[in-house]
Amino acid sequence: MKTLAFITLLSLISSVESVEITNFKAGLACTDGETFGWICHETNDIYITGQGKCVYNKQEKPCTWHGFSFDYTGVTEETEISCNIETSVPSNLGNPKEEISKNQNSSEFILEVPIGDGHFFNPQYSVLSFNDDSPIVVKRTSCFVADKLLFEINNRHIYPSNPLK
């Protein structure tokens, strides 16, 4: 029984250490919104223009698409990629179906990467809004497998001033 437990533990440790990513890109995303997408402009500065359309909390909103992509190897059923987001200004977090949190400076999520080896594209969007008090929001996304840092993204989301003010 002890041997089986040791082999299982050794198997889990080797699966964590074997996850590798290459060709990491982060920045503005180009997509048709349905079938494909890619990081078309690598940048840390994300200008929120509202020229795209997104569904946030069941409502269509003007937005800007951005995100990240990478090639990966070694993802198994046991692999869990946990990520956290920290922002310099309290922000709302949500998706097309619901608003998950309001006015938070940090959040956590699990990145769902398919098992095996492949290419992963994670499109994200920021809804157009105006905040003349804090037009630049610094956002850091860090993702880990166990305690090993897999990647980190540091962005500046730059919002326009309110034209009606």
N, C-alpha and C. Protein backbone atom coordinates (compact mmCIF):
# COMPACT_ATOMS: atom_id res chain seq x y z
N MET A 1 0.82 -1.19 0.00
CA MET A 1 0.00 0.00 0.00
C MET A 1 0.86 1.26 0.00
N LYS A 2 1.95 1.24 0.78
CA LYS A 2 2.84 2.40 0.82
C LYS A 2 3.48 2.62 -0.54
N THR A 3 3.85 1.56 -1.24
CA THR A 3 4.47 1.68 -2.55
C THR A 3 3.50 2.32 -3.54
N LEU A 4 2.23 1.92 -3.51
CA LEU A 4 1.23 2.48 -4.42
C LEU A 4 1.04 3.97 -4.15
N ALA A 5 0.97 4.36 -2.89
CA ALA A 5 0.81 5.77 -2.54
C ALA A 5 2.02 6.58 -3.03
N PHE A 6 3.22 6.04 -2.88
CA PHE A 6 4.43 6.72 -3.32
C PHE A 6 4.43 6.89 -4.83
N ILE A 7 4.03 5.84 -5.57
CA ILE A 7 3.99 5.90 -7.03
C ILE A 7 2.97 6.94 -7.48
N THR A 8 1.81 6.99 -6.82
CA THR A 8 0.79 7.98 -7.16
C THR A 8 1.31 9.39 -6.92
N LEU A 9 1.96 9.61 -5.78
CA LEU A 9 2.52 10.91 -5.46
C LEU A 9 3.60 11.29 -6.48
N LEU A 10 4.46 10.37 -6.82
CA LEU A 10 5.51 10.61 -7.80
C LEU A 10 4.90 10.95 -9.15
N SER A 11 3.82 10.29 -9.53
CA SER A 11 3.13 10.56 -10.78
C SER A 11 2.56 11.97 -10.80
N LEU A 12 1.96 12.41 -9.69
CA LEU A 12 1.41 13.77 -9.62
C LEU A 12 2.51 14.81 -9.70
N ILE A 13 3.62 14.57 -9.02
CA ILE A 13 4.74 15.52 -9.05
C ILE A 13 5.30 15.63 -10.46
N SER A 14 5.48 14.51 -11.16
CA SER A 14 6.04 14.58 -12.50
C SER A 14 5.07 15.24 -13.47
N SER A 15 3.74 15.11 -13.28
CA SER A 15 2.80 15.76 -14.18
C SER A 15 2.84 17.28 -14.00
N VAL A 16 3.06 17.75 -12.76
CA VAL A 16 3.16 19.19 -12.51
C VAL A 16 4.41 19.73 -13.18
N GLU A 17 5.51 19.03 -13.02
CA GLU A 17 6.77 19.52 -13.55
C GLU A 17 6.85 19.42 -15.06
N SER A 18 6.01 18.59 -15.68
CA SER A 18 6.12 18.39 -17.12
C SER A 18 5.31 19.38 -17.94
N VAL A 19 4.49 20.22 -17.32
CA VAL A 19 3.74 21.22 -18.07
C VAL A 19 4.69 22.31 -18.53
N GLU A 20 4.71 22.54 -19.83
CA GLU A 20 5.56 23.59 -20.38
C GLU A 20 4.77 24.40 -21.38
N ILE A 21 5.07 25.70 -21.43
CA ILE A 21 4.45 26.55 -22.43
C ILE A 21 5.54 27.25 -23.24
N THR A 22 5.24 27.49 -24.52
CA THR A 22 6.14 28.21 -25.41
C THR A 22 5.29 29.15 -26.25
N ASN A 23 5.94 30.02 -26.98
CA ASN A 23 5.27 30.95 -27.89
C ASN A 23 4.17 31.76 -27.18
N PHE A 24 4.44 32.18 -25.96
CA PHE A 24 3.46 32.96 -25.20
C PHE A 24 3.31 34.35 -25.81
N LYS A 25 2.06 34.78 -25.99
CA LYS A 25 1.76 36.12 -26.50
C LYS A 25 0.61 36.70 -25.70
N ALA A 26 0.67 37.99 -25.44
CA ALA A 26 -0.42 38.69 -24.76
C ALA A 26 -0.59 40.05 -25.40
N GLY A 27 -1.83 40.50 -25.48
CA GLY A 27 -2.09 41.81 -26.05
C GLY A 27 -3.48 41.89 -26.64
N LEU A 28 -3.60 42.67 -27.71
CA LEU A 28 -4.90 42.85 -28.37
C LEU A 28 -5.23 41.61 -29.18
N ALA A 29 -6.50 41.23 -29.15
CA ALA A 29 -6.95 40.03 -29.86
C ALA A 29 -7.75 40.41 -31.09
N CYS A 30 -7.53 39.67 -32.14
CA CYS A 30 -8.36 39.77 -33.34
C CYS A 30 -9.16 38.48 -33.42
N THR A 31 -10.44 38.61 -33.66
CA THR A 31 -11.32 37.44 -33.69
C THR A 31 -12.56 37.74 -34.50
N ASP A 32 -13.17 36.70 -35.02
CA ASP A 32 -14.46 36.89 -35.66
C ASP A 32 -15.58 36.72 -34.62
N GLY A 33 -15.21 36.46 -33.37
CA GLY A 33 -16.17 36.33 -32.28
C GLY A 33 -16.88 35.01 -32.22
N GLU A 34 -16.58 34.10 -33.14
CA GLU A 34 -17.29 32.82 -33.16
C GLU A 34 -16.38 31.62 -33.34
N THR A 35 -15.49 31.66 -34.36
CA THR A 35 -14.78 30.44 -34.72
C THR A 35 -13.28 30.47 -34.51
N PHE A 36 -12.65 31.64 -34.50
CA PHE A 36 -11.20 31.67 -34.37
C PHE A 36 -10.75 33.00 -33.78
N GLY A 37 -9.51 33.02 -33.34
CA GLY A 37 -8.94 34.25 -32.83
C GLY A 37 -7.46 34.07 -32.61
N TRP A 38 -6.78 35.19 -32.45
CA TRP A 38 -5.34 35.16 -32.20
C TRP A 38 -4.93 36.49 -31.58
N ILE A 39 -3.76 36.52 -31.00
CA ILE A 39 -3.20 37.77 -30.49
C ILE A 39 -2.53 38.45 -31.68
N CYS A 40 -3.15 39.52 -32.13
CA CYS A 40 -2.68 40.17 -33.36
C CYS A 40 -1.73 41.33 -33.08
N HIS A 41 -1.75 41.87 -31.86
CA HIS A 41 -0.84 42.96 -31.50
C HIS A 41 -0.34 42.70 -30.08
N GLU A 42 0.91 42.26 -29.96
CA GLU A 42 1.46 42.04 -28.62
C GLU A 42 1.74 43.40 -27.99
N THR A 43 1.15 43.62 -26.82
CA THR A 43 1.33 44.89 -26.13
C THR A 43 0.92 44.74 -24.68
N ASN A 44 1.50 45.57 -23.82
CA ASN A 44 1.08 45.63 -22.42
C ASN A 44 0.04 46.71 -22.20
N ASP A 45 -0.07 47.65 -23.16
CA ASP A 45 -1.04 48.74 -23.05
C ASP A 45 -2.29 48.38 -23.84
N ILE A 46 -3.41 48.26 -23.15
CA ILE A 46 -4.69 47.91 -23.77
C ILE A 46 -5.57 49.16 -23.74
N TYR A 47 -5.73 49.79 -24.88
CA TYR A 47 -6.59 50.97 -24.97
C TYR A 47 -8.03 50.51 -25.14
N ILE A 48 -8.89 50.86 -24.20
CA ILE A 48 -10.29 50.46 -24.22
C ILE A 48 -11.04 51.45 -25.10
N THR A 49 -11.40 50.99 -26.30
CA THR A 49 -12.02 51.88 -27.28
C THR A 49 -13.52 51.62 -27.45
N GLY A 50 -13.97 50.43 -27.11
CA GLY A 50 -15.38 50.10 -27.28
C GLY A 50 -15.76 49.81 -28.72
N GLN A 51 -14.79 49.52 -29.57
CA GLN A 51 -15.10 49.27 -30.98
C GLN A 51 -15.57 47.86 -31.25
N GLY A 52 -15.46 46.97 -30.27
CA GLY A 52 -15.99 45.61 -30.41
C GLY A 52 -17.35 45.49 -29.75
N LYS A 53 -17.95 44.33 -29.90
CA LYS A 53 -19.23 44.04 -29.23
C LYS A 53 -19.04 42.78 -28.40
N CYS A 54 -19.55 42.82 -27.16
CA CYS A 54 -19.42 41.70 -26.25
C CYS A 54 -20.71 41.54 -25.47
N VAL A 55 -20.93 40.35 -24.95
CA VAL A 55 -22.06 40.13 -24.06
C VAL A 55 -21.49 40.00 -22.66
N TYR A 56 -21.92 40.89 -21.78
CA TYR A 56 -21.51 40.89 -20.37
C TYR A 56 -22.78 40.86 -19.52
N ASN A 57 -22.88 39.87 -18.66
CA ASN A 57 -24.03 39.75 -17.76
C ASN A 57 -25.35 39.81 -18.55
N LYS A 58 -25.40 39.05 -19.66
CA LYS A 58 -26.59 38.90 -20.51
C LYS A 58 -26.96 40.16 -21.30
N GLN A 59 -26.06 41.14 -21.35
CA GLN A 59 -26.34 42.38 -22.09
C GLN A 59 -25.20 42.66 -23.07
N GLU A 60 -25.56 43.08 -24.29
CA GLU A 60 -24.54 43.45 -25.26
C GLU A 60 -23.94 44.80 -24.89
N LYS A 61 -22.61 44.87 -24.92
CA LYS A 61 -21.89 46.08 -24.52
C LYS A 61 -20.78 46.38 -25.52
N PRO A 62 -20.41 47.66 -25.67
CA PRO A 62 -19.21 47.99 -26.45
C PRO A 62 -17.98 47.59 -25.64
N CYS A 63 -16.97 47.02 -26.30
CA CYS A 63 -15.81 46.51 -25.57
C CYS A 63 -14.57 46.51 -26.43
N THR A 64 -13.47 46.11 -25.84
CA THR A 64 -12.20 45.91 -26.53
C THR A 64 -11.73 44.49 -26.22
N TRP A 65 -11.37 43.74 -27.28
CA TRP A 65 -10.89 42.36 -27.13
C TRP A 65 -9.38 42.35 -26.89
N HIS A 66 -8.95 41.53 -25.95
CA HIS A 66 -7.53 41.31 -25.67
C HIS A 66 -7.41 39.89 -25.13
N GLY A 67 -6.24 39.49 -24.69
CA GLY A 67 -6.10 38.15 -24.12
C GLY A 67 -4.69 37.64 -24.22
N PHE A 68 -4.57 36.30 -24.24
CA PHE A 68 -3.25 35.69 -24.35
C PHE A 68 -3.37 34.34 -25.03
N SER A 69 -2.24 33.85 -25.51
CA SER A 69 -2.20 32.53 -26.15
C SER A 69 -0.83 31.91 -25.91
N PHE A 70 -0.77 30.59 -26.03
CA PHE A 70 0.50 29.88 -25.91
C PHE A 70 0.35 28.47 -26.46
N ASP A 71 1.48 27.86 -26.78
CA ASP A 71 1.54 26.44 -27.10
C ASP A 71 1.91 25.73 -25.81
N TYR A 72 1.39 24.52 -25.62
CA TYR A 72 1.64 23.82 -24.36
C TYR A 72 1.86 22.34 -24.59
N THR A 73 2.56 21.72 -23.64
CA THR A 73 2.75 20.27 -23.61
C THR A 73 2.60 19.79 -22.16
N GLY A 74 2.21 18.55 -22.01
CA GLY A 74 2.22 17.91 -20.70
C GLY A 74 1.02 18.14 -19.81
N VAL A 75 -0.09 18.64 -20.32
CA VAL A 75 -1.27 18.84 -19.48
C VAL A 75 -1.99 17.50 -19.33
N THR A 76 -2.20 17.08 -18.09
CA THR A 76 -2.88 15.81 -17.79
C THR A 76 -4.19 16.09 -17.06
N GLU A 77 -4.91 15.02 -16.75
CA GLU A 77 -6.15 15.15 -15.98
C GLU A 77 -5.90 15.75 -14.60
N GLU A 78 -4.71 15.53 -14.05
CA GLU A 78 -4.38 16.04 -12.72
C GLU A 78 -3.91 17.49 -12.74
N THR A 79 -3.59 18.02 -13.90
CA THR A 79 -3.05 19.38 -14.00
C THR A 79 -4.13 20.40 -13.66
N GLU A 80 -3.80 21.30 -12.76
CA GLU A 80 -4.69 22.42 -12.45
C GLU A 80 -3.88 23.70 -12.58
N ILE A 81 -4.33 24.55 -13.49
CA ILE A 81 -3.67 25.84 -13.67
C ILE A 81 -4.52 26.87 -12.96
N SER A 82 -4.02 27.34 -11.83
CA SER A 82 -4.77 28.32 -11.04
C SER A 82 -4.18 29.71 -11.28
N CYS A 83 -5.06 30.67 -11.43
CA CYS A 83 -4.65 32.03 -11.77
C CYS A 83 -5.25 33.02 -10.80
N ASN A 84 -4.55 34.12 -10.62
CA ASN A 84 -5.13 35.22 -9.85
C ASN A 84 -4.91 36.52 -10.61
N ILE A 85 -5.85 37.42 -10.41
CA ILE A 85 -5.83 38.73 -11.04
C ILE A 85 -5.79 39.77 -9.93
N GLU A 86 -4.91 40.74 -10.07
CA GLU A 86 -4.86 41.87 -9.14
C GLU A 86 -4.96 43.15 -9.97
N THR A 87 -5.80 44.09 -9.52
CA THR A 87 -5.98 45.35 -10.23
C THR A 87 -5.70 46.52 -9.29
N SER A 88 -5.22 47.62 -9.87
CA SER A 88 -4.89 48.79 -9.08
C SER A 88 -6.13 49.57 -8.65
N VAL A 89 -7.23 49.33 -9.32
CA VAL A 89 -8.50 50.01 -9.03
C VAL A 89 -9.56 48.93 -8.89
N PRO A 90 -10.45 49.01 -7.91
CA PRO A 90 -11.52 48.00 -7.80
C PRO A 90 -12.29 47.89 -9.12
N SER A 91 -12.51 46.65 -9.54
CA SER A 91 -13.14 46.37 -10.84
C SER A 91 -14.23 45.33 -10.69
N ASN A 92 -15.09 45.26 -11.69
CA ASN A 92 -16.12 44.23 -11.76
C ASN A 92 -15.61 43.11 -12.66
N LEU A 93 -15.95 41.88 -12.33
CA LEU A 93 -15.53 40.72 -13.11
C LEU A 93 -16.76 39.91 -13.46
N GLY A 94 -16.84 39.50 -14.72
CA GLY A 94 -17.98 38.71 -15.13
C GLY A 94 -17.74 38.04 -16.46
N ASN A 95 -18.81 37.51 -17.01
CA ASN A 95 -18.76 36.81 -18.29
C ASN A 95 -20.09 37.03 -19.01
N PRO A 96 -20.31 36.39 -20.14
CA PRO A 96 -21.58 36.62 -20.84
C PRO A 96 -22.82 36.27 -20.02
N LYS A 97 -22.71 35.33 -19.11
CA LYS A 97 -23.88 34.87 -18.36
C LYS A 97 -24.16 35.64 -17.07
N GLU A 98 -23.09 36.12 -16.40
CA GLU A 98 -23.31 36.72 -15.08
C GLU A 98 -22.17 37.64 -14.67
N GLU A 99 -22.48 38.49 -13.70
CA GLU A 99 -21.46 39.29 -13.04
C GLU A 99 -21.00 38.49 -11.83
N ILE A 100 -19.71 38.19 -11.77
CA ILE A 100 -19.17 37.31 -10.74
C ILE A 100 -18.80 38.08 -9.48
N SER A 101 -18.20 39.26 -9.66
CA SER A 101 -17.82 40.07 -8.49
C SER A 101 -17.88 41.54 -8.86
N LYS A 102 -18.08 42.38 -7.85
CA LYS A 102 -18.14 43.83 -8.04
C LYS A 102 -17.12 44.51 -7.14
N ASN A 103 -16.49 45.54 -7.66
CA ASN A 103 -15.59 46.39 -6.89
C ASN A 103 -14.54 45.61 -6.11
N GLN A 104 -13.84 44.70 -6.80
CA GLN A 104 -12.80 43.89 -6.18
C GLN A 104 -11.44 44.23 -6.78
N ASN A 105 -10.41 44.16 -5.96
CA ASN A 105 -9.04 44.36 -6.44
C ASN A 105 -8.34 43.05 -6.78
N SER A 106 -8.98 41.92 -6.45
CA SER A 106 -8.36 40.64 -6.78
C SER A 106 -9.43 39.58 -7.00
N SER A 107 -9.04 38.57 -7.76
CA SER A 107 -9.95 37.47 -8.06
C SER A 107 -9.10 36.25 -8.43
N GLU A 108 -9.69 35.07 -8.32
CA GLU A 108 -9.00 33.83 -8.68
C GLU A 108 -9.86 33.02 -9.63
N PHE A 109 -9.20 32.23 -10.49
CA PHE A 109 -9.94 31.34 -11.38
C PHE A 109 -9.03 30.19 -11.80
N ILE A 110 -9.66 29.14 -12.33
CA ILE A 110 -8.93 27.99 -12.86
C ILE A 110 -8.95 28.12 -14.38
N LEU A 111 -7.79 28.04 -15.01
CA LEU A 111 -7.68 28.12 -16.46
C LEU A 111 -7.92 26.72 -17.03
N GLU A 112 -8.94 26.58 -17.84
CA GLU A 112 -9.34 25.29 -18.42
C GLU A 112 -8.58 25.05 -19.72
N VAL A 113 -7.46 24.35 -19.63
CA VAL A 113 -6.64 24.02 -20.79
C VAL A 113 -6.88 22.55 -21.13
N PRO A 114 -7.18 22.23 -22.40
CA PRO A 114 -7.42 20.83 -22.77
C PRO A 114 -6.24 19.92 -22.46
N ILE A 115 -6.53 18.70 -22.13
CA ILE A 115 -5.51 17.69 -21.81
C ILE A 115 -4.65 17.42 -23.04
N GLY A 116 -3.37 17.17 -22.79
CA GLY A 116 -2.44 16.82 -23.86
C GLY A 116 -1.52 17.96 -24.23
N ASP A 117 -1.27 18.08 -25.52
CA ASP A 117 -0.41 19.11 -26.07
C ASP A 117 -1.24 19.89 -27.09
N GLY A 118 -0.95 21.18 -27.25
CA GLY A 118 -1.71 21.94 -28.24
C GLY A 118 -1.45 23.43 -28.16
N HIS A 119 -2.41 24.17 -28.73
CA HIS A 119 -2.36 25.63 -28.71
C HIS A 119 -3.57 26.10 -27.92
N PHE A 120 -3.37 27.09 -27.05
CA PHE A 120 -4.45 27.62 -26.22
C PHE A 120 -4.58 29.11 -26.47
N PHE A 121 -5.80 29.56 -26.75
CA PHE A 121 -6.10 30.97 -26.96
C PHE A 121 -7.17 31.36 -25.96
N ASN A 122 -6.89 32.39 -25.17
CA ASN A 122 -7.84 32.84 -24.16
C ASN A 122 -8.28 34.27 -24.47
N PRO A 123 -9.37 34.41 -25.24
CA PRO A 123 -9.86 35.76 -25.52
C PRO A 123 -10.54 36.35 -24.29
N GLN A 124 -10.30 37.61 -24.06
CA GLN A 124 -10.93 38.33 -22.96
C GLN A 124 -11.41 39.66 -23.51
N TYR A 125 -12.27 40.33 -22.77
CA TYR A 125 -12.69 41.65 -23.20
C TYR A 125 -12.84 42.55 -21.99
N SER A 126 -12.72 43.84 -22.26
CA SER A 126 -12.98 44.86 -21.25
C SER A 126 -14.07 45.76 -21.80
N VAL A 127 -15.10 45.96 -21.00
CA VAL A 127 -16.24 46.76 -21.40
C VAL A 127 -15.86 48.24 -21.33
N LEU A 128 -16.31 48.99 -22.32
CA LEU A 128 -16.06 50.42 -22.34
C LEU A 128 -16.72 51.09 -21.15
N SER A 129 -15.95 51.88 -20.43
CA SER A 129 -16.48 52.68 -19.33
C SER A 129 -15.60 53.91 -19.20
N PHE A 130 -16.05 54.85 -18.42
CA PHE A 130 -15.32 56.10 -18.23
C PHE A 130 -15.03 56.27 -16.75
N ASN A 131 -13.77 56.52 -16.43
CA ASN A 131 -13.38 56.77 -15.06
C ASN A 131 -12.30 57.84 -15.10
N ASP A 132 -12.74 59.09 -15.09
CA ASP A 132 -11.79 60.19 -15.19
C ASP A 132 -10.86 60.29 -13.98
N ASP A 133 -11.27 59.71 -12.83
CA ASP A 133 -10.42 59.73 -11.64
C ASP A 133 -9.26 58.73 -11.77
N SER A 134 -9.51 57.59 -12.42
CA SER A 134 -8.48 56.57 -12.60
C SER A 134 -8.55 56.02 -14.02
N PRO A 135 -8.06 56.77 -15.01
CA PRO A 135 -8.18 56.32 -16.39
C PRO A 135 -7.26 55.15 -16.74
N ILE A 136 -6.26 54.89 -15.90
CA ILE A 136 -5.35 53.77 -16.16
C ILE A 136 -5.49 52.76 -15.03
N VAL A 137 -5.82 51.53 -15.40
CA VAL A 137 -5.95 50.44 -14.43
C VAL A 137 -4.82 49.44 -14.71
N VAL A 138 -3.96 49.24 -13.73
CA VAL A 138 -2.88 48.26 -13.85
C VAL A 138 -3.44 46.91 -13.43
N LYS A 139 -3.23 45.92 -14.28
CA LYS A 139 -3.78 44.58 -14.05
C LYS A 139 -2.67 43.55 -14.18
N ARG A 140 -2.50 42.73 -13.14
CA ARG A 140 -1.52 41.65 -13.17
C ARG A 140 -2.24 40.31 -13.07
N THR A 141 -1.99 39.44 -14.05
CA THR A 141 -2.53 38.09 -14.05
C THR A 141 -1.37 37.12 -13.89
N SER A 142 -1.43 36.28 -12.86
CA SER A 142 -0.38 35.28 -12.60
C SER A 142 -1.02 33.91 -12.59
N CYS A 143 -0.43 32.96 -13.31
CA CYS A 143 -0.96 31.60 -13.37
C CYS A 143 0.10 30.59 -12.94
N PHE A 144 -0.32 29.61 -12.16
CA PHE A 144 0.57 28.65 -11.53
C PHE A 144 0.09 27.23 -11.77
N VAL A 145 1.04 26.30 -11.80
CA VAL A 145 0.77 24.87 -11.68
C VAL A 145 1.45 24.47 -10.40
N ALA A 146 0.64 24.05 -9.41
CA ALA A 146 1.14 23.84 -8.04
C ALA A 146 1.73 25.19 -7.59
N ASP A 147 2.98 25.22 -7.16
CA ASP A 147 3.60 26.48 -6.74
C ASP A 147 4.52 27.05 -7.81
N LYS A 148 4.52 26.45 -8.99
CA LYS A 148 5.41 26.88 -10.07
C LYS A 148 4.70 27.93 -10.93
N LEU A 149 5.31 29.12 -11.04
CA LEU A 149 4.76 30.18 -11.89
C LEU A 149 4.87 29.74 -13.34
N LEU A 150 3.71 29.67 -14.02
CA LEU A 150 3.68 29.28 -15.43
C LEU A 150 3.85 30.51 -16.32
N PHE A 151 3.12 31.58 -16.00
CA PHE A 151 3.29 32.84 -16.72
C PHE A 151 2.67 33.97 -15.91
N GLU A 152 3.06 35.18 -16.27
CA GLU A 152 2.51 36.38 -15.64
C GLU A 152 2.36 37.45 -16.71
N ILE A 153 1.25 38.18 -16.64
CA ILE A 153 0.97 39.26 -17.59
C ILE A 153 0.77 40.54 -16.79
N ASN A 154 1.42 41.60 -17.20
CA ASN A 154 1.24 42.91 -16.59
C ASN A 154 0.72 43.85 -17.67
N ASN A 155 -0.53 44.27 -17.52
CA ASN A 155 -1.18 45.16 -18.49
C ASN A 155 -1.52 46.49 -17.85
N ARG A 156 -1.66 47.48 -18.72
CA ARG A 156 -2.26 48.75 -18.33
C ARG A 156 -3.50 48.91 -19.21
N HIS A 157 -4.67 48.92 -18.59
CA HIS A 157 -5.92 49.16 -19.32
C HIS A 157 -6.16 50.66 -19.27
N ILE A 158 -6.18 51.28 -20.43
CA ILE A 158 -6.27 52.73 -20.53
C ILE A 158 -7.66 53.09 -21.06
N TYR A 159 -8.43 53.76 -20.21
CA TYR A 159 -9.82 54.10 -20.52
C TYR A 159 -9.90 55.54 -21.02
N PRO A 160 -10.84 55.82 -21.94
CA PRO A 160 -10.98 57.19 -22.44
C PRO A 160 -11.66 58.09 -21.42
N SER A 161 -11.46 59.39 -21.58
CA SER A 161 -12.17 60.33 -20.72
C SER A 161 -13.62 60.43 -21.20
N ASN A 162 -14.49 60.82 -20.33
CA ASN A 162 -15.91 60.93 -20.63
C ASN A 162 -16.13 62.13 -21.56
N PRO A 163 -16.66 61.91 -22.76
CA PRO A 163 -16.82 63.03 -23.69
C PRO A 163 -17.96 63.99 -23.29
N LEU A 164 -18.80 63.56 -22.36
CA LEU A 164 -19.93 64.39 -21.94
C LEU A 164 -19.60 65.24 -20.72
N LYS A 165 -18.38 65.15 -20.26
CA LYS A 165 -17.99 65.86 -19.03
C LYS A 165 -17.33 67.17 -19.35
